[in-house]
Amino acid sequence: MSVIPGTGAGAEQLTQFIERIERLEEEKRALMADIKDVYAEAKATGFEPKIMRQIVRMRAMDRDLLSEQDALLDTYRDALGLR
């Protein structure tokens, strides 16, 4: 079903979608500020936020992909004498 924006119900529906997106974007900004605060708190207690961000990314990855990347990283480090 195709709705022509700007006409009747289509304009109302479009407005609702836009307003929902705007609310979600505001929530996202608030969450990002909260995350920034947690990293700042962790840094103040001696942890390294850059490393913590890497760990968060790694924990979100598929285990097989993570293992594959770890193996490649080890191979590259060995080849470059970084061990």
PDB file of N, CA and C in Angstrom:
ATOM      1  N   MET A   1       0.845  -1.184   0.000  1.00  0.00           N
ATOM      2  CA  MET A   1       0.000   0.000   0.000  1.00  0.00           C
ATOM      3  C   MET A   1       0.881   1.234   0.000  1.00  0.00           C
ATOM      4  N   SER A   2       0.710   2.073  -0.954  1.00  0.00           N
ATOM      5  CA  SER A   2       1.496   3.290  -1.061  1.00  0.00           C
ATOM      6  C   SER A   2       0.683   4.468  -0.544  1.00  0.00           C
ATOM      7  N   VAL A   3       1.299   5.255   0.304  1.00  0.00           N
ATOM      8  CA  VAL A   3       0.629   6.428   0.862  1.00  0.00           C
ATOM      9  C   VAL A   3       1.348   7.661   0.339  1.00  0.00           C
ATOM     10  N   ILE A   4       0.574   8.618  -0.092  1.00  0.00           N
ATOM     11  CA  ILE A   4       1.164   9.853  -0.591  1.00  0.00           C
ATOM     12  C   ILE A   4       1.323  10.807   0.581  1.00  0.00           C
ATOM     13  N   PRO A   5       2.579  11.067   1.013  1.00  0.00           N
ATOM     14  CA  PRO A   5       2.805  11.983   2.126  1.00  0.00           C
ATOM     15  C   PRO A   5       2.228  13.358   1.832  1.00  0.00           C
ATOM     16  N   GLY A   6       1.748  13.983   2.882  1.00  0.00           N
ATOM     17  CA  GLY A   6       1.229  15.337   2.740  1.00  0.00           C
ATOM     18  C   GLY A   6      -0.253  15.381   2.458  1.00  0.00           C
ATOM     19  N   THR A   7      -0.900  14.224   2.353  1.00  0.00           N
ATOM     20  CA  THR A   7      -2.326  14.231   2.076  1.00  0.00           C
ATOM     21  C   THR A   7      -3.054  13.415   3.133  1.00  0.00           C
ATOM     22  N   GLY A   8      -3.929  14.029   3.879  1.00  0.00           N
ATOM     23  CA  GLY A   8      -4.794  13.341   4.834  1.00  0.00           C
ATOM     24  C   GLY A   8      -4.086  12.416   5.795  1.00  0.00           C
ATOM     25  N   ALA A   9      -4.537  11.157   5.807  1.00  0.00           N
ATOM     26  CA  ALA A   9      -4.015  10.152   6.729  1.00  0.00           C
ATOM     27  C   ALA A   9      -2.530   9.894   6.499  1.00  0.00           C
ATOM     28  N   GLY A  10      -2.088  10.018   5.272  1.00  0.00           N
ATOM     29  CA  GLY A  10      -0.671   9.809   4.971  1.00  0.00           C
ATOM     30  C   GLY A  10       0.201  10.813   5.694  1.00  0.00           C
ATOM     31  N   ALA A  11      -0.217  12.067   5.735  1.00  0.00           N
ATOM     32  CA  ALA A  11       0.545  13.105   6.437  1.00  0.00           C
ATOM     33  C   ALA A  11       0.547  12.845   7.936  1.00  0.00           C
ATOM     34  N   GLU A  12      -0.592  12.409   8.459  1.00  0.00           N
ATOM     35  CA  GLU A  12      -0.684  12.114   9.890  1.00  0.00           C
ATOM     36  C   GLU A  12       0.218  10.943  10.253  1.00  0.00           C
ATOM     37  N   GLN A  13       0.213   9.904   9.443  1.00  0.00           N
ATOM     38  CA  GLN A  13       1.050   8.734   9.697  1.00  0.00           C
ATOM     39  C   GLN A  13       2.536   9.096   9.600  1.00  0.00           C
ATOM     40  N   LEU A  14       2.876   9.902   8.604  1.00  0.00           N
ATOM     41  CA  LEU A  14       4.254  10.347   8.449  1.00  0.00           C
ATOM     42  C   LEU A  14       4.692  11.147   9.667  1.00  0.00           C
ATOM     43  N   THR A  15       3.834  12.032  10.143  1.00  0.00           N
ATOM     44  CA  THR A  15       4.132  12.824  11.338  1.00  0.00           C
ATOM     45  C   THR A  15       4.372  11.921  12.538  1.00  0.00           C
ATOM     46  N   GLN A  16       3.559  10.881  12.690  1.00  0.00           N
ATOM     47  CA  GLN A  16       3.729   9.954  13.804  1.00  0.00           C
ATOM     48  C   GLN A  16       5.076   9.228  13.718  1.00  0.00           C
ATOM     49  N   PHE A  17       5.433   8.793  12.513  1.00  0.00           N
ATOM     50  CA  PHE A  17       6.726   8.130  12.340  1.00  0.00           C
ATOM     51  C   PHE A  17       7.873   9.078  12.709  1.00  0.00           C
ATOM     52  N   ILE A  18       7.804  10.300  12.205  1.00  0.00           N
ATOM     53  CA  ILE A  18       8.860  11.284  12.476  1.00  0.00           C
ATOM     54  C   ILE A  18       8.961  11.563  13.963  1.00  0.00           C
ATOM     55  N   GLU A  19       7.828  11.742  14.634  1.00  0.00           N
ATOM     56  CA  GLU A  19       7.844  12.017  16.069  1.00  0.00           C
ATOM     57  C   GLU A  19       8.409  10.832  16.864  1.00  0.00           C
ATOM     58  N   ARG A  20       8.086   9.609  16.455  1.00  0.00           N
ATOM     59  CA  ARG A  20       8.659   8.424  17.117  1.00  0.00           C
ATOM     60  C   ARG A  20      10.167   8.394  16.951  1.00  0.00           C
ATOM     61  N   ILE A  21      10.621   8.673  15.733  1.00  0.00           N
ATOM     62  CA  ILE A  21      12.063   8.693  15.470  1.00  0.00           C
ATOM     63  C   ILE A  21      12.732   9.764  16.323  1.00  0.00           C
ATOM     64  N   GLU A  22      12.116  10.930  16.401  1.00  0.00           N
ATOM     65  CA  GLU A  22      12.690  12.015  17.208  1.00  0.00           C
ATOM     66  C   GLU A  22      12.789  11.623  18.680  1.00  0.00           C
ATOM     67  N   ARG A  23      11.763  10.960  19.216  1.00  0.00           N
ATOM     68  CA  ARG A  23      11.806  10.508  20.614  1.00  0.00           C
ATOM     69  C   ARG A  23      12.921   9.481  20.808  1.00  0.00           C
ATOM     70  N   LEU A  24      13.031   8.553  19.870  1.00  0.00           N
ATOM     71  CA  LEU A  24      14.080   7.537  19.973  1.00  0.00           C
ATOM     72  C   LEU A  24      15.478   8.156  19.869  1.00  0.00           C
ATOM     73  N   GLU A  25      15.629   9.144  19.000  1.00  0.00           N
ATOM     74  CA  GLU A  25      16.918   9.834  18.885  1.00  0.00           C
ATOM     75  C   GLU A  25      17.265  10.539  20.197  1.00  0.00           C
ATOM     76  N   GLU A  26      16.289  11.128  20.847  1.00  0.00           N
ATOM     77  CA  GLU A  26      16.518  11.787  22.140  1.00  0.00           C
ATOM     78  C   GLU A  26      16.922  10.757  23.192  1.00  0.00           C
ATOM     79  N   GLU A  27      16.244   9.614  23.202  1.00  0.00           N
ATOM     80  CA  GLU A  27      16.615   8.541  24.132  1.00  0.00           C
ATOM     81  C   GLU A  27      18.034   8.060  23.858  1.00  0.00           C
ATOM     82  N   LYS A  28      18.382   7.966  22.570  1.00  0.00           N
ATOM     83  CA  LYS A  28      19.723   7.525  22.191  1.00  0.00           C
ATOM     84  C   LYS A  28      20.771   8.514  22.700  1.00  0.00           C
ATOM     85  N   ARG A  29      20.492   9.812  22.565  1.00  0.00           N
ATOM     86  CA  ARG A  29      21.433  10.826  23.059  1.00  0.00           C
ATOM     87  C   ARG A  29      21.613  10.702  24.567  1.00  0.00           C
ATOM     88  N   ALA A  30      20.509  10.468  25.283  1.00  0.00           N
ATOM     89  CA  ALA A  30      20.586  10.320  26.736  1.00  0.00           C
ATOM     90  C   ALA A  30      21.400   9.079  27.108  1.00  0.00           C
ATOM     91  N   LEU A  31      21.170   7.973  26.393  1.00  0.00           N
ATOM     92  CA  LEU A  31      21.930   6.754  26.656  1.00  0.00           C
ATOM     93  C   LEU A  31      23.416   6.948  26.358  1.00  0.00           C
ATOM     94  N   MET A  32      23.719   7.628  25.271  1.00  0.00           N
ATOM     95  CA  MET A  32      25.120   7.880  24.924  1.00  0.00           C
ATOM     96  C   MET A  32      25.804   8.723  26.009  1.00  0.00           C
ATOM     97  N   ALA A  33      25.085   9.684  26.552  1.00  0.00           N
ATOM     98  CA  ALA A  33      25.636  10.494  27.638  1.00  0.00           C
ATOM     99  C   ALA A  33      25.880   9.631  28.875  1.00  0.00           C
ATOM    100  N   ASP A  34      24.959   8.726  29.168  1.00  0.00           N
ATOM    101  CA  ASP A  34      25.127   7.819  30.307  1.00  0.00           C
ATOM    102  C   ASP A  34      26.348   6.917  30.110  1.00  0.00           C
ATOM    103  N   ILE A  35      26.520   6.395  28.901  1.00  0.00           N
ATOM    104  CA  ILE A  35      27.662   5.534  28.603  1.00  0.00           C
ATOM    105  C   ILE A  35      28.964   6.319  28.758  1.00  0.00           C
ATOM    106  N   LYS A  36      28.973   7.537  28.269  1.00  0.00           N
ATOM    107  CA  LYS A  36      30.152   8.395  28.398  1.00  0.00           C
ATOM    108  C   LYS A  36      30.495   8.595  29.873  1.00  0.00           C
ATOM    109  N   ASP A  37      29.475   8.797  30.693  1.00  0.00           N
ATOM    110  CA  ASP A  37      29.688   8.973  32.129  1.00  0.00           C
ATOM    111  C   ASP A  37      30.289   7.721  32.769  1.00  0.00           C
ATOM    112  N   VAL A  38      29.828   6.544  32.347  1.00  0.00           N
ATOM    113  CA  VAL A  38      30.373   5.294  32.895  1.00  0.00           C
ATOM    114  C   VAL A  38      31.841   5.153  32.522  1.00  0.00           C
ATOM    115  N   TYR A  39      32.198   5.459  31.277  1.00  0.00           N
ATOM    116  CA  TYR A  39      33.600   5.395  30.874  1.00  0.00           C
ATOM    117  C   TYR A  39      34.440   6.394  31.678  1.00  0.00           C
ATOM    118  N   ALA A  40      33.912   7.588  31.908  1.00  0.00           N
ATOM    119  CA  ALA A  40      34.638   8.591  32.693  1.00  0.00           C
ATOM    120  C   ALA A  40      34.831   8.109  34.133  1.00  0.00           C
ATOM    121  N   GLU A  41      33.809   7.495  34.691  1.00  0.00           N
ATOM    122  CA  GLU A  41      33.900   6.956  36.048  1.00  0.00           C
ATOM    123  C   GLU A  41      34.947   5.838  36.109  1.00  0.00           C
ATOM    124  N   ALA A  42      34.932   4.965  35.112  1.00  0.00           N
ATOM    125  CA  ALA A  42      35.900   3.877  35.068  1.00  0.00           C
ATOM    126  C   ALA A  42      37.323   4.425  34.947  1.00  0.00           C
ATOM    127  N   LYS A  43      37.501   5.457  34.121  1.00  0.00           N
ATOM    128  CA  LYS A  43      38.817   6.070  33.955  1.00  0.00           C
ATOM    129  C   LYS A  43      39.294   6.684  35.266  1.00  0.00           C
ATOM    130  N   ALA A  44      38.374   7.308  35.988  1.00  0.00           N
ATOM    131  CA  ALA A  44      38.722   7.930  37.260  1.00  0.00           C
ATOM    132  C   ALA A  44      39.178   6.897  38.294  1.00  0.00           C
ATOM    133  N   THR A  45      38.768   5.655  38.131  1.00  0.00           N
ATOM    134  CA  THR A  45      39.181   4.602  39.060  1.00  0.00           C
ATOM    135  C   THR A  45      40.363   3.798  38.526  1.00  0.00           C
ATOM    136  N   GLY A  46      40.939   4.237  37.389  1.00  0.00           N
ATOM    137  CA  GLY A  46      42.169   3.628  36.902  1.00  0.00           C
ATOM    138  C   GLY A  46      42.041   2.707  35.700  1.00  0.00           C
ATOM    139  N   PHE A  47      40.840   2.532  35.174  1.00  0.00           N
ATOM    140  CA  PHE A  47      40.672   1.684  33.991  1.00  0.00           C
ATOM    141  C   PHE A  47      40.872   2.498  32.721  1.00  0.00           C
ATOM    142  N   GLU A  48      41.212   1.826  31.637  1.00  0.00           N
ATOM    143  CA  GLU A  48      41.471   2.474  30.351  1.00  0.00           C
ATOM    144  C   GLU A  48      40.245   2.351  29.446  1.00  0.00           C
ATOM    145  N   PRO A  49      39.512   3.463  29.236  1.00  0.00           N
ATOM    146  CA  PRO A  49      38.290   3.415  28.415  1.00  0.00           C
ATOM    147  C   PRO A  49      38.499   2.886  27.003  1.00  0.00           C
ATOM    148  N   LYS A  50      39.626   3.195  26.384  1.00  0.00           N
ATOM    149  CA  LYS A  50      39.877   2.719  25.018  1.00  0.00           C
ATOM    150  C   LYS A  50      39.880   1.191  24.985  1.00  0.00           C
ATOM    151  N   ILE A  51      40.519   0.565  25.955  1.00  0.00           N
ATOM    152  CA  ILE A  51      40.566  -0.890  26.031  1.00  0.00           C
ATOM    153  C   ILE A  51      39.188  -1.442  26.389  1.00  0.00           C
ATOM    154  N   MET A  52      38.492  -0.756  27.274  1.00  0.00           N
ATOM    155  CA  MET A  52      37.145  -1.190  27.652  1.00  0.00           C
ATOM    156  C   MET A  52      36.215  -1.198  26.441  1.00  0.00           C
ATOM    157  N   ARG A  53      36.335  -0.190  25.571  1.00  0.00           N
ATOM    158  CA  ARG A  53      35.509  -0.138  24.364  1.00  0.00           C
ATOM    159  C   ARG A  53      35.805  -1.335  23.463  1.00  0.00           C
ATOM    160  N   GLN A  54      37.090  -1.693  23.363  1.00  0.00           N
ATOM    161  CA  GLN A  54      37.459  -2.856  22.559  1.00  0.00           C
ATOM    162  C   GLN A  54      36.836  -4.127  23.137  1.00  0.00           C
ATOM    163  N   ILE A  55      36.865  -4.262  24.449  1.00  0.00           N
ATOM    164  CA  ILE A  55      36.296  -5.436  25.102  1.00  0.00           C
ATOM    165  C   ILE A  55      34.788  -5.501  24.872  1.00  0.00           C
ATOM    166  N   VAL A  56      34.115  -4.363  24.960  1.00  0.00           N
ATOM    167  CA  VAL A  56      32.666  -4.322  24.723  1.00  0.00           C
ATOM    168  C   VAL A  56      32.364  -4.789  23.296  1.00  0.00           C
ATOM    169  N   ARG A  57      33.142  -4.304  22.320  1.00  0.00           N
ATOM    170  CA  ARG A  57      32.952  -4.738  20.924  1.00  0.00           C
ATOM    171  C   ARG A  57      33.198  -6.232  20.777  1.00  0.00           C
ATOM    172  N   MET A  58      34.246  -6.721  21.428  1.00  0.00           N
ATOM    173  CA  MET A  58      34.589  -8.141  21.326  1.00  0.00           C
ATOM    174  C   MET A  58      33.496  -9.021  21.933  1.00  0.00           C
ATOM    175  N   ARG A  59      32.950  -8.602  23.062  1.00  0.00           N
ATOM    176  CA  ARG A  59      31.913  -9.398  23.727  1.00  0.00           C
ATOM    177  C   ARG A  59      30.638  -9.466  22.895  1.00  0.00           C
ATOM    178  N   ALA A  60      30.435  -8.474  22.035  1.00  0.00           N
ATOM    179  CA  ALA A  60      29.240  -8.446  21.191  1.00  0.00           C
ATOM    180  C   ALA A  60      29.406  -9.288  19.926  1.00  0.00           C
ATOM    181  N   MET A  61      30.643  -9.669  19.626  1.00  0.00           N
ATOM    182  CA  MET A  61      30.919 -10.413  18.399  1.00  0.00           C
ATOM    183  C   MET A  61      30.543 -11.883  18.540  1.00  0.00           C
ATOM    184  N   ASP A  62      30.306 -12.501  17.407  1.00  0.00           N
ATOM    185  CA  ASP A  62      30.122 -13.940  17.332  1.00  0.00           C
ATOM    186  C   ASP A  62      31.419 -14.609  17.794  1.00  0.00           C
ATOM    187  N   ARG A  63      31.307 -15.638  18.608  1.00  0.00           N
ATOM    188  CA  ARG A  63      32.485 -16.306  19.184  1.00  0.00           C
ATOM    189  C   ARG A  63      33.423 -16.862  18.116  1.00  0.00           C
ATOM    190  N   ASP A  64      32.883 -17.441  17.055  1.00  0.00           N
ATOM    191  CA  ASP A  64      33.723 -17.993  15.988  1.00  0.00           C
ATOM    192  C   ASP A  64      34.494 -16.888  15.268  1.00  0.00           C
ATOM    193  N   LEU A  65      33.809 -15.779  14.991  1.00  0.00           N
ATOM    194  CA  LEU A  65      34.464 -14.656  14.331  1.00  0.00           C
ATOM    195  C   LEU A  65      35.548 -14.072  15.234  1.00  0.00           C
ATOM    196  N   LEU A  66      35.257 -13.984  16.518  1.00  0.00           N
ATOM    197  CA  LEU A  66      36.246 -13.479  17.467  1.00  0.00           C
ATOM    198  C   LEU A  66      37.477 -14.377  17.505  1.00  0.00           C
ATOM    199  N   SER A  67      37.275 -15.689  17.535  1.00  0.00           N
ATOM    200  CA  SER A  67      38.400 -16.630  17.544  1.00  0.00           C
ATOM    201  C   SER A  67      39.233 -16.501  16.271  1.00  0.00           C
ATOM    202  N   GLU A  68      38.550 -16.345  15.145  1.00  0.00           N
ATOM    203  CA  GLU A  68      39.246 -16.192  13.869  1.00  0.00           C
ATOM    204  C   GLU A  68      40.092 -14.925  13.866  1.00  0.00           C
ATOM    205  N   GLN A  69      39.526 -13.827  14.344  1.00  0.00           N
ATOM    206  CA  GLN A  69      40.266 -12.567  14.378  1.00  0.00           C
ATOM    207  C   GLN A  69      41.438 -12.635  15.348  1.00  0.00           C
ATOM    208  N   ASP A  70      41.245 -13.293  16.492  1.00  0.00           N
ATOM    209  CA  ASP A  70      42.336 -13.465  17.453  1.00  0.00           C
ATOM    210  C   ASP A  70      43.484 -14.245  16.827  1.00  0.00           C
ATOM    211  N   ALA A  71      43.163 -15.316  16.100  1.00  0.00           N
ATOM    212  CA  ALA A  71      44.193 -16.133  15.458  1.00  0.00           C
ATOM    213  C   ALA A  71      44.954 -15.316  14.412  1.00  0.00           C
ATOM    214  N   LEU A  72      44.227 -14.537  13.622  1.00  0.00           N
ATOM    215  CA  LEU A  72      44.886 -13.698  12.618  1.00  0.00           C
ATOM    216  C   LEU A  72      45.761 -12.639  13.275  1.00  0.00           C
ATOM    217  N   LEU A  73      45.270 -12.043  14.332  1.00  0.00           N
ATOM    218  CA  LEU A  73      46.052 -11.034  15.037  1.00  0.00           C
ATOM    219  C   LEU A  73      47.336 -11.643  15.597  1.00  0.00           C
ATOM    220  N   ASP A  74      47.226 -12.834  16.180  1.00  0.00           N
ATOM    221  CA  ASP A  74      48.419 -13.540  16.679  1.00  0.00           C
ATOM    222  C   ASP A  74      49.409 -13.818  15.547  1.00  0.00           C
ATOM    223  N   THR A  75      48.907 -14.267  14.416  1.00  0.00           N
ATOM    224  CA  THR A  75      49.760 -14.547  13.255  1.00  0.00           C
ATOM    225  C   THR A  75      50.485 -13.290  12.796  1.00  0.00           C
ATOM    226  N   TYR A  76      49.764 -12.193  12.694  1.00  0.00           N
ATOM    227  CA  TYR A  76      50.362 -10.931  12.246  1.00  0.00           C
ATOM    228  C   TYR A  76      51.383 -10.427  13.266  1.00  0.00           C
ATOM    229  N   ARG A  77      51.054 -10.516  14.547  1.00  0.00           N
ATOM    230  CA  ARG A  77      51.983 -10.059  15.588  1.00  0.00           C
ATOM    231  C   ARG A  77      53.265 -10.889  15.549  1.00  0.00           C
ATOM    232  N   ASP A  78      53.110 -12.201  15.390  1.00  0.00           N
ATOM    233  CA  ASP A  78      54.286 -13.064  15.296  1.00  0.00           C
ATOM    234  C   ASP A  78      55.142 -12.689  14.088  1.00  0.00           C
ATOM    235  N   ALA A  79      54.504 -12.466  12.945  1.00  0.00           N
ATOM    236  CA  ALA A  79      55.227 -12.136  11.722  1.00  0.00           C
ATOM    237  C   ALA A  79      55.991 -10.822  11.862  1.00  0.00           C
ATOM    238  N   LEU A  80      55.471  -9.903  12.686  1.00  0.00           N
ATOM    239  CA  LEU A  80      56.099  -8.602  12.853  1.00  0.00           C
ATOM    240  C   LEU A  80      56.997  -8.535  14.093  1.00  0.00           C
ATOM    241  N   GLY A  81      57.118  -9.663  14.790  1.00  0.00           N
ATOM    242  CA  GLY A  81      57.960  -9.705  15.982  1.00  0.00           C
ATOM    243  C   GLY A  81      57.414  -8.870  17.133  1.00  0.00           C
ATOM    244  N   LEU A  82      56.101  -8.815  17.263  1.00  0.00           N
ATOM    245  CA  LEU A  82      55.465  -8.000  18.311  1.00  0.00           C
ATOM    246  C   LEU A  82      55.066  -8.816  19.529  1.00  0.00           C
ATOM    247  N   ARG A  83      55.764  -9.905  19.768  1.00  0.00           N
ATOM    248  CA  ARG A  83      55.445 -10.757  20.947  1.00  0.00           C
ATOM    249  C   ARG A  83      56.504 -10.612  21.976  1.00  0.00           C
TER     250      ARG A  83
END
